[in-house]
Amino acid sequence: MKRKNNKFIEISIAFILGVALGIYGQNPDYFTNLINQKSLALSVPQIKHYNISELSRSKVSTCFTPPAGCTKFIANQIDKAEESIYVQVYGMSDALITTTLINAQM
């Protein structure tokens, strides 16, 4: 039984190498392009970082809801926005906040 497994492995390796060499013979840049394509897909995305200036620190608020009960506060802050709104959420399930964000976009 061990002899059959070894033979199967030898044949499988020879087959895979044959296919790889055949592909390489048809298109020598195939593997280079494949590796470059994979490395581009794995590259680290560029993340924008925003620094809050000392002047605007008093205008920045942090609020956790629903436990903190600050849904109306968040909705009011969204309504007051004049230029942009930056939101970081794990999940969005509050109807008032969702509606306010949608209305602010329009």
C-alpha atoms as a PDB file:
ATOM      1  CA  MET A   1       0.000   0.000   0.000  1.00  0.00           C
ATOM      2  CA  LYS A   2       2.843   2.380   0.848  1.00  0.00           C
ATOM      3  CA  ARG A   3       4.393   1.758  -2.565  1.00  0.00           C
ATOM      4  CA  LYS A   4       1.118   2.713  -4.317  1.00  0.00           C
ATOM      5  CA  ASN A   5       0.870   5.980  -2.352  1.00  0.00           C
ATOM      6  CA  ASN A   6       4.449   6.904  -3.233  1.00  0.00           C
ATOM      7  CA  LYS A   7       3.794   6.188  -6.910  1.00  0.00           C
ATOM      8  CA  PHE A   8       0.625   8.287  -6.821  1.00  0.00           C
ATOM      9  CA  ILE A   9       2.502  11.192  -5.219  1.00  0.00           C
ATOM     10  CA  GLU A  10       5.293  10.940  -7.809  1.00  0.00           C
ATOM     11  CA  ILE A  11       2.802  10.961 -10.683  1.00  0.00           C
ATOM     12  CA  SER A  12       0.859  13.881  -9.149  1.00  0.00           C
ATOM     13  CA  ILE A  13       4.002  15.975  -8.712  1.00  0.00           C
ATOM     14  CA  ALA A  14       5.128  15.205 -12.262  1.00  0.00           C
ATOM     15  CA  PHE A  15       1.690  16.177 -13.589  1.00  0.00           C
ATOM     16  CA  ILE A  16       1.614  19.475 -11.665  1.00  0.00           C
ATOM     17  CA  LEU A  17       5.141  20.350 -12.790  1.00  0.00           C
ATOM     18  CA  GLY A  18       4.209  19.490 -16.374  1.00  0.00           C
ATOM     19  CA  VAL A  19       1.182  21.775 -16.265  1.00  0.00           C
ATOM     20  CA  ALA A  20       3.236  24.594 -14.709  1.00  0.00           C
ATOM     21  CA  LEU A  21       5.977  24.243 -17.327  1.00  0.00           C
ATOM     22  CA  GLY A  22       3.368  24.154 -20.094  1.00  0.00           C
ATOM     23  CA  ILE A  23       1.801  27.371 -18.847  1.00  0.00           C
ATOM     24  CA  TYR A  24       5.219  28.982 -18.482  1.00  0.00           C
ATOM     25  CA  GLY A  25       6.176  27.906 -22.022  1.00  0.00           C
ATOM     26  CA  GLN A  26       3.057  29.507 -23.478  1.00  0.00           C
ATOM     27  CA  ASN A  27       3.328  32.731 -21.457  1.00  0.00           C
ATOM     28  CA  PRO A  28       6.626  33.332 -19.623  1.00  0.00           C
ATOM     29  CA  ASP A  29       5.167  36.303 -17.729  1.00  0.00           C
ATOM     30  CA  TYR A  30       2.168  34.334 -16.408  1.00  0.00           C
ATOM     31  CA  PHE A  31       3.569  33.601 -12.950  1.00  0.00           C
ATOM     32  CA  THR A  32       5.141  37.051 -12.571  1.00  0.00           C
ATOM     33  CA  ASN A  33       1.807  38.686 -13.419  1.00  0.00           C
ATOM     34  CA  LEU A  34      -0.017  36.328 -11.070  1.00  0.00           C
ATOM     35  CA  ILE A  35       2.331  37.154  -8.177  1.00  0.00           C
ATOM     36  CA  ASN A  36       2.121  40.904  -8.865  1.00  0.00           C
ATOM     37  CA  GLN A  37      -1.658  40.710  -9.036  1.00  0.00           C
ATOM     38  CA  LYS A  38      -1.824  38.894  -5.677  1.00  0.00           C
ATOM     39  CA  SER A  39       0.594  41.315  -4.024  1.00  0.00           C
ATOM     40  CA  LEU A  40      -1.481  44.290  -5.200  1.00  0.00           C
ATOM     41  CA  ALA A  41      -4.599  42.700  -3.751  1.00  0.00           C
ATOM     42  CA  LEU A  42      -2.826  42.194  -0.413  1.00  0.00           C
ATOM     43  CA  SER A  43      -1.372  45.687  -0.199  1.00  0.00           C
ATOM     44  CA  VAL A  44      -2.339  47.704   2.850  1.00  0.00           C
ATOM     45  CA  PRO A  45      -5.137  50.166   2.126  1.00  0.00           C
ATOM     46  CA  GLN A  46      -4.328  53.804   2.646  1.00  0.00           C
ATOM     47  CA  ILE A  47      -6.186  55.166   5.649  1.00  0.00           C
ATOM     48  CA  LYS A  48      -6.781  58.873   6.021  1.00  0.00           C
ATOM     49  CA  HIS A  49      -5.952  60.280   9.424  1.00  0.00           C
ATOM     50  CA  TYR A  50      -7.506  63.480  10.657  1.00  0.00           C
ATOM     51  CA  ASN A  51      -5.922  65.482  13.442  1.00  0.00           C
ATOM     52  CA  ILE A  52      -8.218  67.561  15.564  1.00  0.00           C
ATOM     53  CA  SER A  53      -6.733  71.010  16.014  1.00  0.00           C
ATOM     54  CA  GLU A  54      -6.605  72.581  19.465  1.00  0.00           C
ATOM     55  CA  LEU A  55      -9.227  75.147  18.420  1.00  0.00           C
ATOM     56  CA  SER A  56     -11.803  72.543  17.465  1.00  0.00           C
ATOM     57  CA  ARG A  57     -11.275  70.123  20.378  1.00  0.00           C
ATOM     58  CA  SER A  58     -14.062  71.819  22.305  1.00  0.00           C
ATOM     59  CA  LYS A  59     -16.401  71.086  19.385  1.00  0.00           C
ATOM     60  CA  VAL A  60     -15.743  67.329  19.355  1.00  0.00           C
ATOM     61  CA  SER A  61     -18.050  65.039  21.327  1.00  0.00           C
ATOM     62  CA  THR A  62     -18.074  61.319  21.950  1.00  0.00           C
ATOM     63  CA  CYS A  63     -21.290  59.518  22.685  1.00  0.00           C
ATOM     64  CA  PHE A  64     -22.195  55.853  22.978  1.00  0.00           C
ATOM     65  CA  THR A  65     -25.769  54.826  22.413  1.00  0.00           C
ATOM     66  CA  PRO A  66     -28.198  53.176  23.228  1.00  0.00           C
ATOM     67  CA  PRO A  67     -26.869  52.549  26.773  1.00  0.00           C
ATOM     68  CA  ALA A  68     -25.895  56.208  27.219  1.00  0.00           C
ATOM     69  CA  GLY A  69     -29.267  57.376  25.918  1.00  0.00           C
ATOM     70  CA  CYS A  70     -27.822  60.054  23.660  1.00  0.00           C
ATOM     71  CA  THR A  71     -29.748  59.344  20.459  1.00  0.00           C
ATOM     72  CA  LYS A  72     -31.354  62.809  20.355  1.00  0.00           C
ATOM     73  CA  PHE A  73     -27.993  64.465  21.054  1.00  0.00           C
ATOM     74  CA  ILE A  74     -26.443  62.652  18.073  1.00  0.00           C
ATOM     75  CA  ALA A  75     -29.396  63.556  15.816  1.00  0.00           C
ATOM     76  CA  ASN A  76     -29.115  67.227  16.854  1.00  0.00           C
ATOM     77  CA  GLN A  77     -25.381  67.267  16.139  1.00  0.00           C
ATOM     78  CA  ILE A  78     -25.984  65.778  12.691  1.00  0.00           C
ATOM     79  CA  ASP A  79     -28.632  68.445  11.999  1.00  0.00           C
ATOM     80  CA  LYS A  80     -26.149  71.181  12.997  1.00  0.00           C
ATOM     81  CA  ALA A  81     -23.444  69.969  10.600  1.00  0.00           C
ATOM     82  CA  GLU A  82     -22.580  72.560   7.975  1.00  0.00           C
ATOM     83  CA  GLU A  83     -19.861  70.939   5.887  1.00  0.00           C
ATOM     84  CA  SER A  84     -19.163  67.302   6.719  1.00  0.00           C
ATOM     85  CA  ILE A  85     -20.086  64.463   9.059  1.00  0.00           C
ATOM     86  CA  TYR A  86     -17.631  61.775  10.162  1.00  0.00           C
ATOM     87  CA  VAL A  87     -19.202  58.733  11.772  1.00  0.00           C
ATOM     88  CA  GLN A  88     -17.630  55.589  13.155  1.00  0.00           C
ATOM     89  CA  VAL A  89     -20.125  52.822  13.879  1.00  0.00           C
ATOM     90  CA  TYR A  90     -20.063  49.108  14.527  1.00  0.00           C
ATOM     91  CA  GLY A  91     -23.685  48.692  13.606  1.00  0.00           C
ATOM     92  CA  MET A  92     -26.492  51.066  12.713  1.00  0.00           C
ATOM     93  CA  SER A  93     -29.877  50.118  14.127  1.00  0.00           C
ATOM     94  CA  ASP A  94     -31.309  53.356  15.505  1.00  0.00           C
ATOM     95  CA  ALA A  95     -34.076  54.694  13.253  1.00  0.00           C
ATOM     96  CA  LEU A  96     -33.720  58.339  14.354  1.00  0.00           C
ATOM     97  CA  ILE A  97     -29.962  58.482  13.727  1.00  0.00           C
ATOM     98  CA  THR A  98     -30.292  56.625  10.414  1.00  0.00           C
ATOM     99  CA  THR A  99     -33.054  58.954   9.186  1.00  0.00           C
ATOM    100  CA  THR A 100     -31.110  62.036  10.288  1.00  0.00           C
ATOM    101  CA  LEU A 101     -27.988  60.873   8.425  1.00  0.00           C
ATOM    102  CA  ILE A 102     -30.007  60.163   5.279  1.00  0.00           C
ATOM    103  CA  ASN A 103     -31.666  63.594   5.455  1.00  0.00           C
ATOM    104  CA  ALA A 104     -28.289  65.283   6.003  1.00  0.00           C
ATOM    105  CA  GLN A 105     -26.977  63.706   2.806  1.00  0.00           C
ATOM    106  CA  MET A 106     -29.798  65.208   0.754  1.00  0.00           C
END
